[in-house]
PDB file of all heavy atoms in Angstrom:
ATOM      1  N   LEU A   1     -18.174   8.703  -0.838  1.00  0.00           N
ATOM      2  CA  LEU A   1     -17.166   7.774  -0.338  1.00  0.00           C
ATOM      3  C   LEU A   1     -15.837   8.070  -1.058  1.00  0.00           C
ATOM      4  O   LEU A   1     -15.620   7.646  -2.155  1.00  0.00           O
ATOM      5  CB  LEU A   1     -17.565   6.341  -0.667  1.00  0.00           C
ATOM      6  CG  LEU A   1     -18.932   5.896  -0.100  1.00  0.00           C
ATOM      7  CD1 LEU A   1     -19.184   4.437  -0.359  1.00  0.00           C
ATOM      8  CD2 LEU A   1     -19.011   6.209   1.395  1.00  0.00           C
ATOM      9  N   GLY A   2     -15.001   8.884  -0.386  1.00  0.00           N
ATOM     10  CA  GLY A   2     -13.768   9.295  -0.977  1.00  0.00           C
ATOM     11  C   GLY A   2     -12.637   9.209  -0.043  1.00  0.00           C
ATOM     12  O   GLY A   2     -12.640   8.291   0.848  1.00  0.00           O
ATOM     13  N   GLY A   3     -11.572  10.075  -0.154  1.00  0.00           N
ATOM     14  CA  GLY A   3     -10.455   9.939   0.768  1.00  0.00           C
ATOM     15  C   GLY A   3     -10.810  10.172   2.193  1.00  0.00           C
ATOM     16  O   GLY A   3     -10.124   9.681   3.085  1.00  0.00           O
ATOM     17  N   GLY A   4     -11.669  11.041   2.488  1.00  0.00           N
ATOM     18  CA  GLY A   4     -12.184  11.266   3.824  1.00  0.00           C
ATOM     19  C   GLY A   4     -12.790  10.024   4.402  1.00  0.00           C
ATOM     20  O   GLY A   4     -12.630   9.773   5.638  1.00  0.00           O
ATOM     21  N   THR A   5     -13.522   9.290   3.616  1.00  0.00           N
ATOM     22  CA  THR A   5     -14.096   8.020   4.145  1.00  0.00           C
ATOM     23  C   THR A   5     -12.963   7.046   4.504  1.00  0.00           C
ATOM     24  O   THR A   5     -12.991   6.400   5.527  1.00  0.00           O
ATOM     25  CB  THR A   5     -14.928   7.404   2.979  1.00  0.00           C
ATOM     26  OG1 THR A   5     -15.804   8.382   2.514  1.00  0.00           O
ATOM     27  CG2 THR A   5     -15.659   6.166   3.559  1.00  0.00           C
ATOM     28  N   PHE A   6     -11.954   6.912   3.603  1.00  0.00           N
ATOM     29  CA  PHE A   6     -10.851   5.985   3.914  1.00  0.00           C
ATOM     30  C   PHE A   6     -10.108   6.381   5.163  1.00  0.00           C
ATOM     31  O   PHE A   6      -9.949   5.528   6.047  1.00  0.00           O
ATOM     32  CB  PHE A   6      -9.891   6.028   2.691  1.00  0.00           C
ATOM     33  CG  PHE A   6      -8.511   5.404   2.990  1.00  0.00           C
ATOM     34  CD1 PHE A   6      -8.418   4.013   3.388  1.00  0.00           C
ATOM     35  CD2 PHE A   6      -7.330   6.255   3.060  1.00  0.00           C
ATOM     36  CE1 PHE A   6      -7.187   3.544   3.711  1.00  0.00           C
ATOM     37  CE2 PHE A   6      -6.141   5.706   3.366  1.00  0.00           C
ATOM     38  CZ  PHE A   6      -6.032   4.254   3.763  1.00  0.00           C
ATOM     39  N   LEU A   7      -9.814   7.660   5.332  1.00  0.00           N
ATOM     40  CA  LEU A   7      -9.042   8.051   6.512  1.00  0.00           C
ATOM     41  C   LEU A   7      -9.934   7.962   7.795  1.00  0.00           C
ATOM     42  O   LEU A   7      -9.551   7.549   8.814  1.00  0.00           O
ATOM     43  CB  LEU A   7      -8.571   9.509   6.381  1.00  0.00           C
ATOM     44  CG  LEU A   7      -7.737  10.082   7.543  1.00  0.00           C
ATOM     45  CD1 LEU A   7      -6.547   9.222   7.879  1.00  0.00           C
ATOM     46  CD2 LEU A   7      -7.259  11.472   7.268  1.00  0.00           C
ATOM     47  N   GLY A   8     -11.197   8.355   7.653  1.00  0.00           N
ATOM     48  CA  GLY A   8     -12.115   8.265   8.793  1.00  0.00           C
ATOM     49  C   GLY A   8     -12.243   6.783   9.228  1.00  0.00           C
ATOM     50  O   GLY A   8     -12.250   6.496  10.529  1.00  0.00           O
ATOM     51  N   LEU A   9     -12.418   5.868   8.328  1.00  0.00           N
ATOM     52  CA  LEU A   9     -12.505   4.417   8.704  1.00  0.00           C
ATOM     53  C   LEU A   9     -11.245   3.989   9.387  1.00  0.00           C
ATOM     54  O   LEU A   9     -11.307   3.219  10.384  1.00  0.00           O
ATOM     55  CB  LEU A   9     -12.860   3.655   7.465  1.00  0.00           C
ATOM     56  CG  LEU A   9     -14.324   3.767   6.930  1.00  0.00           C
ATOM     57  CD1 LEU A   9     -14.438   2.899   5.730  1.00  0.00           C
ATOM     58  CD2 LEU A   9     -15.320   3.298   7.942  1.00  0.00           C
ATOM     59  N   CYS A  10     -10.159   4.334   8.770  1.00  0.00           N
ATOM     60  CA  CYS A  10      -8.912   3.887   9.414  1.00  0.00           C
ATOM     61  C   CYS A  10      -8.717   4.495  10.795  1.00  0.00           C
ATOM     62  O   CYS A  10      -8.077   3.800  11.637  1.00  0.00           O
ATOM     63  CB  CYS A  10      -7.658   4.311   8.472  1.00  0.00           C
ATOM     64  SG  CYS A  10      -7.582   3.286   6.897  1.00  0.00           S
ATOM     65  N   CYS A  11      -9.041   5.649  10.946  1.00  0.00           N
ATOM     66  CA  CYS A  11      -8.871   6.292  12.308  1.00  0.00           C
ATOM     67  C   CYS A  11      -9.734   5.533  13.372  1.00  0.00           C
ATOM     68  O   CYS A  11      -9.321   5.209  14.435  1.00  0.00           O
ATOM     69  CB  CYS A  11      -9.339   7.737  12.247  1.00  0.00           C
ATOM     70  SG  CYS A  11      -8.129   8.877  11.385  1.00  0.00           S
ATOM     71  N   LEU A  12     -10.960   5.146  12.893  1.00  0.00           N
ATOM     72  CA  LEU A  12     -11.849   4.379  13.820  1.00  0.00           C
ATOM     73  C   LEU A  12     -11.334   2.940  14.047  1.00  0.00           C
ATOM     74  O   LEU A  12     -11.415   2.466  15.175  1.00  0.00           O
ATOM     75  CB  LEU A  12     -13.255   4.374  13.192  1.00  0.00           C
ATOM     76  CG  LEU A  12     -14.129   5.610  13.325  1.00  0.00           C
ATOM     77  CD1 LEU A  12     -15.388   5.376  12.423  1.00  0.00           C
ATOM     78  CD2 LEU A  12     -14.522   5.850  14.737  1.00  0.00           C
ATOM     79  N   LEU A  13     -10.920   2.329  13.002  1.00  0.00           N
ATOM     80  CA  LEU A  13     -10.568   0.903  13.059  1.00  0.00           C
ATOM     81  C   LEU A  13      -9.224   0.541  13.514  1.00  0.00           C
ATOM     82  O   LEU A  13      -8.904  -0.550  14.044  1.00  0.00           O
ATOM     83  CB  LEU A  13     -10.909   0.220  11.639  1.00  0.00           C
ATOM     84  CG  LEU A  13     -12.282   0.294  11.141  1.00  0.00           C
ATOM     85  CD1 LEU A  13     -12.372  -0.230   9.710  1.00  0.00           C
ATOM     86  CD2 LEU A  13     -13.174  -0.534  12.025  1.00  0.00           C
ATOM     87  N   THR A  14      -8.258   1.517  13.278  1.00  0.00           N
ATOM     88  CA  THR A  14      -6.835   1.269  13.543  1.00  0.00           C
ATOM     89  C   THR A  14      -6.224   2.165  14.548  1.00  0.00           C
ATOM     90  O   THR A  14      -5.095   1.823  15.046  1.00  0.00           O
ATOM     91  CB  THR A  14      -6.054   1.246  12.307  1.00  0.00           C
ATOM     92  OG1 THR A  14      -5.847   2.560  11.931  1.00  0.00           O
ATOM     93  CG2 THR A  14      -6.704   0.397  11.126  1.00  0.00           C
ATOM     94  N   GLY A  15      -6.825   3.200  14.848  1.00  0.00           N
ATOM     95  CA  GLY A  15      -6.232   4.181  15.684  1.00  0.00           C
ATOM     96  C   GLY A  15      -5.248   5.120  15.137  1.00  0.00           C
ATOM     97  O   GLY A  15      -4.561   5.916  15.868  1.00  0.00           O
ATOM     98  N   CYS A  16      -5.086   5.059  13.857  1.00  0.00           N
ATOM     99  CA  CYS A  16      -4.087   5.972  13.236  1.00  0.00           C
ATOM    100  C   CYS A  16      -4.577   7.420  13.129  1.00  0.00           C
ATOM    101  O   CYS A  16      -5.848   7.570  13.464  1.00  0.00           O
ATOM    102  CB  CYS A  16      -3.829   5.460  11.750  1.00  0.00           C
ATOM    103  SG  CYS A  16      -5.087   5.692  10.531  1.00  0.00           S
ATOM    104  N   SER A  17      -3.824   8.326  12.869  1.00  0.00           N
ATOM    105  CA  SER A  17      -4.298   9.798  12.907  1.00  0.00           C
ATOM    106  C   SER A  17      -3.956  10.605  11.617  1.00  0.00           C
ATOM    107  O   SER A  17      -4.440  11.685  11.564  1.00  0.00           O
ATOM    108  CB  SER A  17      -3.709  10.485  14.100  1.00  0.00           C
ATOM    109  OG  SER A  17      -2.306  10.420  14.085  1.00  0.00           O
ATOM    110  N   THR A  18      -3.186  10.014  10.697  1.00  0.00           N
ATOM    111  CA  THR A  18      -2.873  10.737   9.492  1.00  0.00           C
ATOM    112  C   THR A  18      -3.051   9.861   8.259  1.00  0.00           C
ATOM    113  O   THR A  18      -3.052   8.638   8.342  1.00  0.00           O
ATOM    114  CB  THR A  18      -1.390  11.167   9.543  1.00  0.00           C
ATOM    115  OG1 THR A  18      -0.451  10.049   9.444  1.00  0.00           O
ATOM    116  CG2 THR A  18      -1.066  11.957  10.753  1.00  0.00           C
ATOM    117  N   PHE A  19      -3.263  10.558   7.117  1.00  0.00           N
ATOM    118  CA  PHE A  19      -3.487   9.871   5.869  1.00  0.00           C
ATOM    119  C   PHE A  19      -2.220   9.019   5.522  1.00  0.00           C
ATOM    120  O   PHE A  19      -2.315   7.808   5.036  1.00  0.00           O
ATOM    121  CB  PHE A  19      -3.690  10.829   4.802  1.00  0.00           C
ATOM    122  CG  PHE A  19      -3.965  10.306   3.362  1.00  0.00           C
ATOM    123  CD1 PHE A  19      -5.204   9.689   3.199  1.00  0.00           C
ATOM    124  CD2 PHE A  19      -2.984  10.310   2.396  1.00  0.00           C
ATOM    125  CE1 PHE A  19      -5.511   9.128   1.887  1.00  0.00           C
ATOM    126  CE2 PHE A  19      -3.301   9.775   1.190  1.00  0.00           C
ATOM    127  CZ  PHE A  19      -4.506   9.163   0.959  1.00  0.00           C
ATOM    128  N   GLU A  20      -1.086   9.609   5.812  1.00  0.00           N
ATOM    129  CA  GLU A  20       0.213   8.731   5.502  1.00  0.00           C
ATOM    130  C   GLU A  20       0.367   7.510   6.320  1.00  0.00           C
ATOM    131  O   GLU A  20       0.739   6.442   5.854  1.00  0.00           O
ATOM    132  CB  GLU A  20       1.421   9.628   5.737  1.00  0.00           C
ATOM    133  CG  GLU A  20       1.562  10.784   4.632  1.00  0.00           C
ATOM    134  CD  GLU A  20       0.608  11.962   4.959  1.00  0.00           C
ATOM    135  OE1 GLU A  20      -0.053  12.133   6.011  1.00  0.00           O
ATOM    136  OE2 GLU A  20       0.484  12.816   3.959  1.00  0.00           O
ATOM    137  N   GLU A  21      -0.103   7.591   7.623  1.00  0.00           N
ATOM    138  CA  GLU A  21      -0.022   6.471   8.450  1.00  0.00           C
ATOM    139  C   GLU A  21      -1.089   5.396   8.002  1.00  0.00           C
ATOM    140  O   GLU A  21      -0.769   4.198   7.971  1.00  0.00           O
ATOM    141  CB  GLU A  21      -0.273   6.919   9.923  1.00  0.00           C
ATOM    142  CG  GLU A  21      -0.199   5.735  10.970  1.00  0.00           C
ATOM    143  CD  GLU A  21      -0.450   6.234  12.335  1.00  0.00           C
ATOM    144  OE1 GLU A  21      -0.775   7.413  12.510  1.00  0.00           O
ATOM    145  OE2 GLU A  21      -0.527   5.319  13.188  1.00  0.00           O
ATOM    146  N   ALA A  22      -2.252   5.896   7.551  1.00  0.00           N
ATOM    147  CA  ALA A  22      -3.286   4.887   7.082  1.00  0.00           C
ATOM    148  C   ALA A  22      -2.769   4.178   5.791  1.00  0.00           C
ATOM    149  O   ALA A  22      -2.943   2.981   5.716  1.00  0.00           O
ATOM    150  CB  ALA A  22      -4.562   5.722   6.814  1.00  0.00           C
ATOM    151  N   LEU A  23      -2.169   4.910   4.942  1.00  0.00           N
ATOM    152  CA  LEU A  23      -1.576   4.281   3.667  1.00  0.00           C
ATOM    153  C   LEU A  23      -0.454   3.356   4.044  1.00  0.00           C
ATOM    154  O   LEU A  23      -0.378   2.255   3.369  1.00  0.00           O
ATOM    155  CB  LEU A  23      -1.026   5.419   2.628  1.00  0.00           C
ATOM    156  CG  LEU A  23      -1.988   6.136   1.873  1.00  0.00           C
ATOM    157  CD1 LEU A  23      -1.210   7.066   0.966  1.00  0.00           C
ATOM    158  CD2 LEU A  23      -2.882   5.111   1.002  1.00  0.00           C
ATOM    159  N   GLU A  24       0.371   3.600   4.992  1.00  0.00           N
ATOM    160  CA  GLU A  24       1.374   2.742   5.383  1.00  0.00           C
ATOM    161  C   GLU A  24       0.844   1.354   5.916  1.00  0.00           C
ATOM    162  O   GLU A  24       1.374   0.346   5.663  1.00  0.00           O
ATOM    163  CB  GLU A  24       2.336   3.363   6.384  1.00  0.00           C
ATOM    164  CG  GLU A  24       3.386   2.489   6.978  1.00  0.00           C
ATOM    165  CD  GLU A  24       4.331   1.848   6.030  1.00  0.00           C
ATOM    166  OE1 GLU A  24       4.451   2.436   4.980  1.00  0.00           O
ATOM    167  OE2 GLU A  24       4.863   0.825   6.336  1.00  0.00           O
ATOM    168  N   LEU A  25      -0.193   1.575   6.764  1.00  0.00           N
ATOM    169  CA  LEU A  25      -0.835   0.327   7.279  1.00  0.00           C
ATOM    170  C   LEU A  25      -1.401  -0.485   6.086  1.00  0.00           C
ATOM    171  O   LEU A  25      -1.308  -1.784   6.107  1.00  0.00           O
ATOM    172  CB  LEU A  25      -1.896   0.690   8.274  1.00  0.00           C
ATOM    173  CG  LEU A  25      -1.488   1.310   9.583  1.00  0.00           C
ATOM    174  CD1 LEU A  25      -2.696   1.829  10.361  1.00  0.00           C
ATOM    175  CD2 LEU A  25      -0.886   0.143  10.416  1.00  0.00           C
ATOM    176  N   ALA A  26      -2.140   0.237   5.223  1.00  0.00           N
ATOM    177  CA  ALA A  26      -2.811  -0.499   4.150  1.00  0.00           C
ATOM    178  C   ALA A  26      -1.735  -1.208   3.235  1.00  0.00           C
ATOM    179  O   ALA A  26      -2.046  -2.331   2.729  1.00  0.00           O
ATOM    180  CB  ALA A  26      -3.567   0.526   3.238  1.00  0.00           C
ATOM    181  N   SER A  27      -0.632  -0.718   3.128  1.00  0.00           N
ATOM    182  CA  SER A  27       0.397  -1.286   2.221  1.00  0.00           C
ATOM    183  C   SER A  27       0.918  -2.640   2.744  1.00  0.00           C
ATOM    184  O   SER A  27       1.492  -3.491   2.075  1.00  0.00           O
ATOM    185  CB  SER A  27       1.641  -0.356   2.055  1.00  0.00           C
ATOM    186  OG  SER A  27       2.406  -0.246   3.333  1.00  0.00           O
ATOM    187  N   ARG A  28       0.747  -2.830   4.132  1.00  0.00           N
ATOM    188  CA  ARG A  28       1.197  -4.042   4.650  1.00  0.00           C
ATOM    189  C   ARG A  28       0.059  -5.044   5.045  1.00  0.00           C
ATOM    190  O   ARG A  28       0.272  -6.058   5.701  1.00  0.00           O
ATOM    191  CB  ARG A  28       1.968  -3.710   5.976  1.00  0.00           C
ATOM    192  CG  ARG A  28       3.267  -2.933   5.747  1.00  0.00           C
ATOM    193  CD  ARG A  28       4.118  -2.738   6.993  1.00  0.00           C
ATOM    194  NE  ARG A  28       3.604  -1.473   7.708  1.00  0.00           N
ATOM    195  CZ  ARG A  28       3.086  -1.537   8.889  1.00  0.00           C
ATOM    196  NH1 ARG A  28       2.814  -2.646   9.526  1.00  0.00           N
ATOM    197  NH2 ARG A  28       2.802  -0.370   9.461  1.00  0.00           N
ATOM    198  N   GLY A  29      -1.150  -4.778   4.582  1.00  0.00           N
ATOM    199  CA  GLY A  29      -2.283  -5.594   4.971  1.00  0.00           C
ATOM    200  C   GLY A  29      -2.769  -6.457   3.771  1.00  0.00           C
ATOM    201  O   GLY A  29      -2.343  -6.356   2.598  1.00  0.00           O
ATOM    202  N   GLU A  30      -3.806  -7.236   4.141  1.00  0.00           N
ATOM    203  CA  GLU A  30      -4.437  -8.134   3.194  1.00  0.00           C
ATOM    204  C   GLU A  30      -5.886  -8.056   3.237  1.00  0.00           C
ATOM    205  O   GLU A  30      -6.554  -8.491   4.250  1.00  0.00           O
ATOM    206  CB  GLU A  30      -3.948  -9.629   3.390  1.00  0.00           C
ATOM    207  CG  GLU A  30      -4.607 -10.618   2.430  1.00  0.00           C
ATOM    208  CD  GLU A  30      -4.383 -10.259   0.946  1.00  0.00           C
ATOM    209  OE1 GLU A  30      -3.283 -10.327   0.452  1.00  0.00           O
ATOM    210  OE2 GLU A  30      -5.351  -9.928   0.338  1.00  0.00           O
ATOM    211  N   SER A  31      -6.505  -7.478   2.236  1.00  0.00           N
ATOM    212  CA  SER A  31      -7.995  -7.233   2.372  1.00  0.00           C
ATOM    213  C   SER A  31      -8.925  -8.430   2.213  1.00  0.00           C
ATOM    214  O   SER A  31      -9.965  -8.449   2.758  1.00  0.00           O
ATOM    215  CB  SER A  31      -8.443  -6.245   1.225  1.00  0.00           C
ATOM    216  OG  SER A  31      -8.153  -6.761  -0.052  1.00  0.00           O
ATOM    217  N   THR A  32      -8.348  -9.580   1.709  1.00  0.00           N
ATOM    218  CA  THR A  32      -9.111 -10.730   1.539  1.00  0.00           C
ATOM    219  C   THR A  32      -9.451 -11.309   2.926  1.00  0.00           C
ATOM    220  O   THR A  32     -10.329 -12.244   3.031  1.00  0.00           O
ATOM    221  CB  THR A  32      -8.436 -11.829   0.710  1.00  0.00           C
ATOM    222  OG1 THR A  32      -7.132 -12.022   1.203  1.00  0.00           O
ATOM    223  CG2 THR A  32      -8.345 -11.253  -0.777  1.00  0.00           C
ATOM    224  N   GLN A  33      -8.710 -10.957   3.949  1.00  0.00           N
ATOM    225  CA  GLN A  33      -9.079 -11.447   5.237  1.00  0.00           C
ATOM    226  C   GLN A  33     -10.358 -10.810   5.832  1.00  0.00           C
ATOM    227  O   GLN A  33     -10.983 -11.269   6.746  1.00  0.00           O
ATOM    228  CB  GLN A  33      -7.851 -11.212   6.267  1.00  0.00           C
ATOM    229  CG  GLN A  33      -6.572 -11.838   5.813  1.00  0.00           C
ATOM    230  CD  GLN A  33      -6.636 -13.329   5.778  1.00  0.00           C
ATOM    231  OE1 GLN A  33      -7.197 -14.007   6.626  1.00  0.00           O
ATOM    232  NE2 GLN A  33      -6.136 -13.872   4.709  1.00  0.00           N
ATOM    233  N   VAL A  34     -10.600  -9.654   5.265  1.00  0.00           N
ATOM    234  CA  VAL A  34     -11.691  -8.844   5.772  1.00  0.00           C
ATOM    235  C   VAL A  34     -12.946  -8.897   4.899  1.00  0.00           C
ATOM    236  O   VAL A  34     -14.038  -9.012   5.257  1.00  0.00           O
ATOM    237  CB  VAL A  34     -11.282  -7.365   5.932  1.00  0.00           C
ATOM    238  CG1 VAL A  34     -12.480  -6.452   6.412  1.00  0.00           C
ATOM    239  CG2 VAL A  34     -10.107  -7.305   6.845  1.00  0.00           C
ATOM    240  N   ASP A  35     -12.727  -8.918   3.496  1.00  0.00           N
ATOM    241  CA  ASP A  35     -13.815  -8.895   2.584  1.00  0.00           C
ATOM    242  C   ASP A  35     -14.269 -10.337   2.282  1.00  0.00           C
ATOM    243  O   ASP A  35     -13.501 -11.265   2.390  1.00  0.00           O
ATOM    244  CB  ASP A  35     -13.384  -8.286   1.241  1.00  0.00           C
ATOM    245  CG  ASP A  35     -12.968  -6.818   1.412  1.00  0.00           C
ATOM    246  OD1 ASP A  35     -13.506  -6.198   2.354  1.00  0.00           O
ATOM    247  OD2 ASP A  35     -12.112  -6.390   0.594  1.00  0.00           O
ATOM    248  N   LYS A  36     -15.486 -10.514   1.974  1.00  0.00           N
ATOM    249  CA  LYS A  36     -16.113 -11.770   1.515  1.00  0.00           C
ATOM    250  C   LYS A  36     -15.959 -11.783   0.037  1.00  0.00           C
ATOM    251  O   LYS A  36     -16.484 -10.905  -0.604  1.00  0.00           O
ATOM    252  CB  LYS A  36     -17.483 -11.874   1.979  1.00  0.00           C
ATOM    253  CG  LYS A  36     -18.157 -13.309   1.554  1.00  0.00           C
ATOM    254  CD  LYS A  36     -19.526 -13.475   2.188  1.00  0.00           C
ATOM    255  CE  LYS A  36     -19.318 -13.714   3.784  1.00  0.00           C
ATOM    256  NZ  LYS A  36     -20.637 -14.089   4.378  1.00  0.00           N
ATOM    257  N   LEU A  37     -15.348 -12.750  -0.548  1.00  0.00           N
ATOM    258  CA  LEU A  37     -15.151 -12.841  -2.039  1.00  0.00           C
ATOM    259  C   LEU A  37     -16.186 -13.820  -2.589  1.00  0.00           C
ATOM    260  O   LEU A  37     -16.802 -14.557  -1.965  1.00  0.00           O
ATOM    261  CB  LEU A  37     -13.671 -13.453  -2.318  1.00  0.00           C
ATOM    262  CG  LEU A  37     -12.534 -12.797  -1.597  1.00  0.00           C
ATOM    263  CD1 LEU A  37     -11.234 -13.429  -1.911  1.00  0.00           C
ATOM    264  CD2 LEU A  37     -12.523 -11.281  -1.886  1.00  0.00           C
ATOM    265  N   VAL A  38     -16.201 -13.752  -3.946  1.00  0.00           N
ATOM    266  CA  VAL A  38     -17.166 -14.594  -4.656  1.00  0.00           C
ATOM    267  C   VAL A  38     -16.958 -16.109  -4.328  1.00  0.00           C
ATOM    268  O   VAL A  38     -17.827 -16.860  -4.115  1.00  0.00           O
ATOM    269  CB  VAL A  38     -17.023 -14.376  -6.104  1.00  0.00           C
ATOM    270  CG1 VAL A  38     -17.787 -15.516  -6.935  1.00  0.00           C
ATOM    271  CG2 VAL A  38     -17.565 -13.052  -6.548  1.00  0.00           C
ATOM    272  N   ARG A  39     -15.597 -16.470  -4.194  1.00  0.00           N
ATOM    273  CA  ARG A  39     -15.325 -17.882  -3.869  1.00  0.00           C
ATOM    274  C   ARG A  39     -15.758 -18.314  -2.402  1.00  0.00           C
ATOM    275  O   ARG A  39     -15.948 -19.461  -2.213  1.00  0.00           O
ATOM    276  CB  ARG A  39     -13.909 -18.172  -4.088  1.00  0.00           C
ATOM    277  CG  ARG A  39     -12.838 -17.362  -3.200  1.00  0.00           C
ATOM    278  CD  ARG A  39     -11.500 -17.957  -3.310  1.00  0.00           C
ATOM    279  NE  ARG A  39     -10.525 -17.115  -2.525  1.00  0.00           N
ATOM    280  CZ  ARG A  39      -9.618 -16.270  -3.138  1.00  0.00           C
ATOM    281  NH1 ARG A  39      -9.620 -16.124  -4.483  1.00  0.00           N
ATOM    282  NH2 ARG A  39      -8.834 -15.633  -2.360  1.00  0.00           N
ATOM    283  N   ASP A  40     -15.919 -17.294  -1.593  1.00  0.00           N
ATOM    284  CA  ASP A  40     -16.383 -17.556  -0.223  1.00  0.00           C
ATOM    285  C   ASP A  40     -17.791 -17.961  -0.256  1.00  0.00           C
ATOM    286  O   ASP A  40     -18.336 -18.642   0.699  1.00  0.00           O
ATOM    287  CB  ASP A  40     -16.092 -16.410   0.733  1.00  0.00           C
ATOM    288  CG  ASP A  40     -14.651 -15.981   0.880  1.00  0.00           C
ATOM    289  OD1 ASP A  40     -13.872 -17.030   0.887  1.00  0.00           O
ATOM    290  OD2 ASP A  40     -14.336 -14.864   1.019  1.00  0.00           O
ATOM    291  N   ILE A  41     -18.508 -17.538  -1.241  1.00  0.00           N
ATOM    292  CA  ILE A  41     -19.993 -17.795  -1.335  1.00  0.00           C
ATOM    293  C   ILE A  41     -20.242 -18.977  -2.205  1.00  0.00           C
ATOM    294  O   ILE A  41     -21.037 -19.911  -1.882  1.00  0.00           O
ATOM    295  CB  ILE A  41     -20.714 -16.535  -1.888  1.00  0.00           C
ATOM    296  CG1 ILE A  41     -20.536 -15.362  -0.964  1.00  0.00           C
ATOM    297  CG2 ILE A  41     -22.168 -16.813  -2.171  1.00  0.00           C
ATOM    298  CD1 ILE A  41     -20.973 -14.046  -1.460  1.00  0.00           C
ATOM    299  N   TYR A  42     -19.552 -19.013  -3.415  1.00  0.00           N
ATOM    300  CA  TYR A  42     -19.883 -20.131  -4.425  1.00  0.00           C
ATOM    301  C   TYR A  42     -18.835 -21.182  -4.401  1.00  0.00           C
ATOM    302  O   TYR A  42     -18.963 -22.185  -5.140  1.00  0.00           O
ATOM    303  CB  TYR A  42     -19.858 -19.445  -5.785  1.00  0.00           C
ATOM    304  CG  TYR A  42     -21.035 -18.676  -6.026  1.00  0.00           C
ATOM    305  CD1 TYR A  42     -21.170 -17.300  -5.743  1.00  0.00           C
ATOM    306  CD2 TYR A  42     -22.230 -19.265  -6.671  1.00  0.00           C
ATOM    307  CE1 TYR A  42     -22.378 -16.610  -6.025  1.00  0.00           C
ATOM    308  CE2 TYR A  42     -23.397 -18.565  -6.857  1.00  0.00           C
ATOM    309  CZ  TYR A  42     -23.431 -17.189  -6.587  1.00  0.00           C
ATOM    310  OH  TYR A  42     -24.616 -16.511  -6.811  1.00  0.00           O
ATOM    311  N   GLY A  43     -17.743 -21.121  -3.600  1.00  0.00           N
ATOM    312  CA  GLY A  43     -16.752 -22.081  -3.596  1.00  0.00           C
ATOM    313  C   GLY A  43     -15.764 -22.015  -4.770  1.00  0.00           C
ATOM    314  O   GLY A  43     -14.856 -22.866  -4.970  1.00  0.00           O
ATOM    315  N   GLY A  44     -15.946 -21.014  -5.635  1.00  0.00           N
ATOM    316  CA  GLY A  44     -15.116 -20.873  -6.797  1.00  0.00           C
ATOM    317  C   GLY A  44     -15.646 -19.591  -7.583  1.00  0.00           C
ATOM    318  O   GLY A  44     -16.264 -18.688  -7.005  1.00  0.00           O
ATOM    319  N   ASP A  45     -15.528 -19.776  -8.979  1.00  0.00           N
ATOM    320  CA  ASP A  45     -16.034 -18.660  -9.847  1.00  0.00           C
ATOM    321  C   ASP A  45     -17.498 -18.791  -9.960  1.00  0.00           C
ATOM    322  O   ASP A  45     -18.166 -19.884  -9.810  1.00  0.00           O
ATOM    323  CB  ASP A  45     -15.418 -18.933 -11.224  1.00  0.00           C
ATOM    324  CG  ASP A  45     -13.953 -18.687 -11.235  1.00  0.00           C
ATOM    325  OD1 ASP A  45     -13.312 -18.200 -10.236  1.00  0.00           O
ATOM    326  OD2 ASP A  45     -13.261 -19.178 -12.195  1.00  0.00           O
ATOM    327  N   TYR A  46     -18.195 -17.583 -10.292  1.00  0.00           N
ATOM    328  CA  TYR A  46     -19.580 -17.639 -10.604  1.00  0.00           C
ATOM    329  C   TYR A  46     -19.610 -17.483 -12.093  1.00  0.00           C
ATOM    330  O   TYR A  46     -19.700 -16.363 -12.738  1.00  0.00           O
ATOM    331  CB  TYR A  46     -20.262 -16.427  -9.955  1.00  0.00           C
ATOM    332  CG  TYR A  46     -21.762 -16.333 -10.077  1.00  0.00           C
ATOM    333  CD1 TYR A  46     -22.439 -17.399 -10.664  1.00  0.00           C
ATOM    334  CD2 TYR A  46     -22.447 -15.341  -9.578  1.00  0.00           C
ATOM    335  CE1 TYR A  46     -23.856 -17.365 -10.796  1.00  0.00           C
ATOM    336  CE2 TYR A  46     -23.856 -15.275  -9.633  1.00  0.00           C
ATOM    337  CZ  TYR A  46     -24.581 -16.329 -10.260  1.00  0.00           C
ATOM    338  OH  TYR A  46     -25.890 -16.248 -10.387  1.00  0.00           O
TER     339      TYR A  46
END
């Protein structure tokens, strides 16, 4: 799971085609909308 994974996932999920484009998209995004956090499970800290 390295740089090829990141670019491959971005090409599949966003339609981008270059590493630079994928980084630009990532710089404007918020991962907490996608990932499940500890507080989403426990309602706060564990």
